[in-house]
Protein backbone atom coordinates (compact mmCIF):
# COMPACT_ATOMS: atom_id res chain seq x y z
CA UNK A 1 0.44 0.06 -0.21
CA UNK A 2 2.87 2.24 0.93
CA UNK A 3 4.61 1.68 -2.48
CA UNK A 4 1.47 2.02 -4.43
CA UNK A 5 -0.26 5.13 -2.89
CA UNK A 6 2.63 7.31 -0.66
CA UNK A 7 1.96 7.65 2.88
CA UNK A 8 -1.14 7.27 4.54
CA UNK A 9 -3.46 10.46 5.65
CA UNK A 10 -4.05 9.16 8.64
CA UNK A 11 -2.94 6.67 11.56
CA UNK A 12 -3.88 5.38 14.83
CA UNK A 13 -2.03 2.81 16.29
CA UNK A 14 -3.46 -0.17 14.95
CA UNK A 15 -4.92 1.34 11.52
CA UNK A 16 -3.61 3.67 8.53
CA UNK A 17 -6.36 5.27 6.10
CA UNK A 18 -5.62 7.04 2.81
CA UNK A 19 -8.24 9.03 1.33
CA UNK A 20 -9.04 9.44 -2.51
CA UNK A 21 -6.67 6.89 -3.68
CA UNK A 22 -7.22 5.56 -6.41
CA UNK A 23 -10.56 4.55 -7.65
CA UNK A 24 -11.26 4.26 -3.30
CA UNK A 25 -13.08 6.63 -1.87
CA UNK A 26 -10.76 5.91 1.28
CA UNK A 27 -8.69 2.78 2.33
CA UNK A 28 -8.38 1.58 5.75
CA UNK A 29 -5.51 -1.08 6.64
CA UNK A 30 -6.06 -2.85 10.22
CA UNK A 31 -4.22 -4.76 12.61
CA UNK A 32 -6.56 -6.23 13.50
CA UNK A 33 -7.68 -8.87 11.49
CA UNK A 34 -11.36 -10.83 10.86
CA UNK A 35 -10.78 -14.68 9.59
CA UNK A 36 -12.76 -15.80 6.72
CA UNK A 37 -13.37 -18.44 4.90
CA UNK A 38 -14.34 -17.87 1.69
CA UNK A 39 -13.39 -18.37 -1.21
CA UNK A 40 -10.49 -19.90 0.69
CA UNK A 41 -9.36 -19.71 4.90
CA UNK A 42 -7.75 -16.07 4.79
CA UNK A 43 -7.71 -13.43 7.32
CA UNK A 44 -9.43 -9.82 6.43
CA UNK A 45 -7.40 -6.77 6.88
CA UNK A 46 -7.68 -4.24 4.03
CA UNK A 47 -11.33 -2.68 3.79
CA UNK A 48 -11.30 -0.64 0.53
CA UNK A 49 -14.62 1.96 -0.12
CA UNK A 50 -16.44 3.48 -3.05
CA UNK A 51 -19.40 5.98 -3.86
CA UNK A 52 -22.15 3.44 -4.64
CA UNK A 53 -25.65 3.48 -4.54
CA UNK A 54 -27.05 -0.36 -3.54
CA UNK A 55 -30.99 -0.35 -3.77
CA UNK A 56 -32.44 -1.76 -0.34
CA UNK A 57 -34.21 -4.34 -1.76
CA UNK A 58 -31.15 -5.48 -3.20
CA UNK A 59 -28.53 -5.50 0.40
CA UNK A 60 -29.51 -9.31 0.68
CA UNK A 61 -27.69 -9.99 -2.25
CA UNK A 62 -24.43 -8.44 -1.78
CA UNK A 63 -25.10 -9.66 1.92
CA UNK A 64 -25.68 -13.58 0.62
CA UNK A 65 -22.38 -13.44 -1.94
CA UNK A 66 -19.97 -12.32 0.98
CA UNK A 67 -19.90 -11.51 4.47
CA UNK A 68 -17.25 -9.01 3.67
CA UNK A 69 -19.39 -6.55 1.56
CA UNK A 70 -20.96 -3.71 3.85
CA UNK A 71 -23.34 -1.30 2.19
CA UNK A 72 -24.29 1.44 3.89
CA UNK A 73 -27.58 3.09 2.36
CA UNK A 74 -27.51 6.75 3.90
CA UNK A 75 -24.13 7.38 2.65
CA UNK A 76 -24.31 5.57 -0.51
CA UNK A 77 -21.05 3.45 0.00
CA UNK A 78 -20.13 0.28 -0.36
CA UNK A 79 -16.85 -1.42 1.41
CA UNK A 80 -14.67 -4.32 0.60
CA UNK A 81 -12.75 -5.85 3.24
CA UNK A 82 -10.20 -8.85 2.16
CA UNK A 83 -6.44 -9.86 2.21
CA UNK A 84 -5.52 -7.75 -0.87
CA UNK A 85 -6.85 -4.77 -2.99
CA UNK A 86 -7.63 -7.47 -6.07
CA UNK A 87 -9.52 -9.45 -4.07
CA UNK A 88 -11.79 -5.97 -2.88
CA UNK A 89 -12.10 -5.05 -6.91
CA UNK A 90 -13.44 -8.84 -7.46
CA UNK A 91 -15.73 -8.54 -4.60
CA UNK A 92 -17.18 -4.99 -5.87
CA UNK A 93 -17.31 -6.09 -9.52
CA UNK A 94 -19.25 -9.05 -8.13
CA UNK A 95 -21.52 -6.51 -6.30
CA UNK A 96 -22.03 -4.43 -9.58
CA UNK A 97 -22.99 -7.53 -11.30
CA UNK A 98 -25.50 -8.79 -8.42
CA UNK A 99 -27.19 -5.08 -8.73
CA UNK A 100 -27.23 -4.54 -12.07
CA UNK A 101 -29.00 -7.92 -12.46
CA UNK A 102 -26.03 -9.66 -14.73
CA UNK A 103 -25.44 -11.98 -12.24
CA UNK A 104 -27.39 -14.32 -9.81
CA UNK A 105 -25.36 -15.19 -5.93
CA UNK A 106 -24.53 -18.22 -7.05
CA UNK A 107 -22.84 -17.05 -10.53
CA UNK A 108 -20.84 -14.40 -8.82
CA UNK A 109 -19.31 -16.80 -5.82
CA UNK A 110 -18.28 -19.27 -8.77
CA UNK A 111 -16.91 -16.37 -10.79
CA UNK A 112 -15.53 -14.41 -7.99
CA UNK A 113 -13.32 -18.04 -7.08
CA UNK A 114 -12.24 -18.80 -10.50
CA UNK A 115 -10.91 -15.15 -10.70
CA UNK A 116 -9.45 -15.78 -7.03
CA UNK A 117 -7.41 -19.02 -8.43
CA UNK A 118 -6.11 -17.58 -11.38
CA UNK A 119 -4.97 -14.15 -10.23
CA UNK A 120 -3.03 -15.85 -7.22
CA UNK A 121 -1.99 -18.60 -9.93
CA UNK A 122 -0.88 -15.04 -12.35
CA UNK A 123 -3.07 -15.94 -14.75
CA UNK A 124 -5.71 -13.28 -16.32
CA UNK A 125 -7.99 -12.36 -14.03
CA UNK A 126 -10.39 -9.57 -15.48
CA UNK A 127 -12.60 -9.19 -12.83
CA UNK A 128 -9.90 -9.12 -9.85
CA UNK A 129 -7.61 -6.63 -11.91
CA UNK A 130 -9.65 -2.98 -11.81
CA UNK A 131 -13.14 -2.10 -11.59
CA UNK A 132 -15.18 -2.45 -14.61
CA UNK A 133 -17.69 -0.15 -14.02
CA UNK A 134 -17.57 3.85 -13.77
CA UNK A 135 -17.45 4.71 -10.17
CA UNK A 136 -19.66 7.52 -8.74
CA UNK A 137 -17.90 10.38 -7.36
CA UNK A 138 -21.11 11.38 -5.61
CA UNK A 139 -25.05 11.72 -5.58
CA UNK A 140 -25.21 7.65 -4.00
CA UNK A 141 -25.92 8.89 -0.82
CA UNK A 142 -29.97 8.22 0.44
CA UNK A 143 -30.60 10.47 3.27
CA UNK A 144 -34.37 8.23 3.72
CA UNK A 145 -37.42 10.63 3.82
CA UNK A 146 -38.22 12.20 6.95
CA UNK A 147 -41.83 10.64 8.58
CA UNK A 148 -41.46 13.14 11.90
CA UNK A 149 -44.18 15.53 10.90
CA UNK A 150 -47.24 12.91 10.67
CA UNK A 151 -45.95 11.58 13.94
CA UNK A 152 -45.83 14.81 15.65
CA UNK A 153 -49.21 15.48 14.67
CA UNK A 154 -50.38 11.85 15.85
CA UNK A 155 -48.80 11.96 18.95
CA UNK A 156 -49.94 15.67 19.60
CA UNK A 157 -53.80 14.26 19.17
CA UNK A 158 -53.52 11.57 21.25
CA UNK A 159 -51.86 13.97 24.37
CA UNK A 160 -54.69 16.46 23.16
CA UNK A 161 -57.21 12.86 23.78
CA UNK A 162 -54.97 12.12 26.84
CA UNK A 163 -55.62 15.78 28.84
CA UNK A 164 -59.62 15.86 27.94
CA UNK A 165 -59.61 11.92 28.98
CA UNK A 166 -58.23 12.42 31.82
CA UNK A 167 -60.47 15.59 33.06
CA UNK A 168 -63.20 13.57 32.17
CA UNK A 169 -62.45 10.61 34.50
CA UNK A 170 -61.36 13.44 37.38
CA UNK A 171 -64.70 15.25 37.05
CA UNK A 172 -66.21 11.70 36.93
CA UNK A 173 -64.12 10.69 39.92
CA UNK A 174 -65.66 14.17 41.90
CA UNK A 175 -68.89 13.56 41.19
CA UNK A 176 -69.09 9.83 41.83
CA UNK A 177 -67.01 10.82 45.34
CA UNK A 178 -69.47 13.29 46.01
CA UNK A 179 -72.49 10.87 45.31
CA UNK A 180 -70.87 8.37 48.13
CA UNK A 181 -70.31 11.23 50.51
CA UNK A 182 -74.35 12.00 49.78
CA UNK A 183 -75.17 7.86 50.44
């Protein structure tokens, strides 16, 4: 990473960060590894993020494909976490093909496995060599829609009913109490 992207933009005792490096919005190299057995046992420690909108109804496809792919709907980002940049490129290419309907999860997993082996053997592995789609640079965030206005009106109406009902109950209790005192 240092040879390819130079010194990190930020560092902690356990992580190095680059921003805007290559096709990446950000890259994080972590001392803390995550064990991962697909497509073969390895440790995930390199996370790379791009701007990319995964429609909410398709999030499950990315999760079914690879547990180390994380989509953030609000930020409009997708992160790939693996043991190499080539593996992250491969994962994100497969997410793009899943989201665009070009591949099924099963097909994406098979293509990913074949490309991983080919890349590691020094053979042609186009899905691992570069991102095969244009990476958006903005406009991928989904800040959702506010629903608080309607909820405020409903809750205020309920609060008014609570106050009116409480006053009616108190008036009934006073009448019932005075009737009992008269009896």
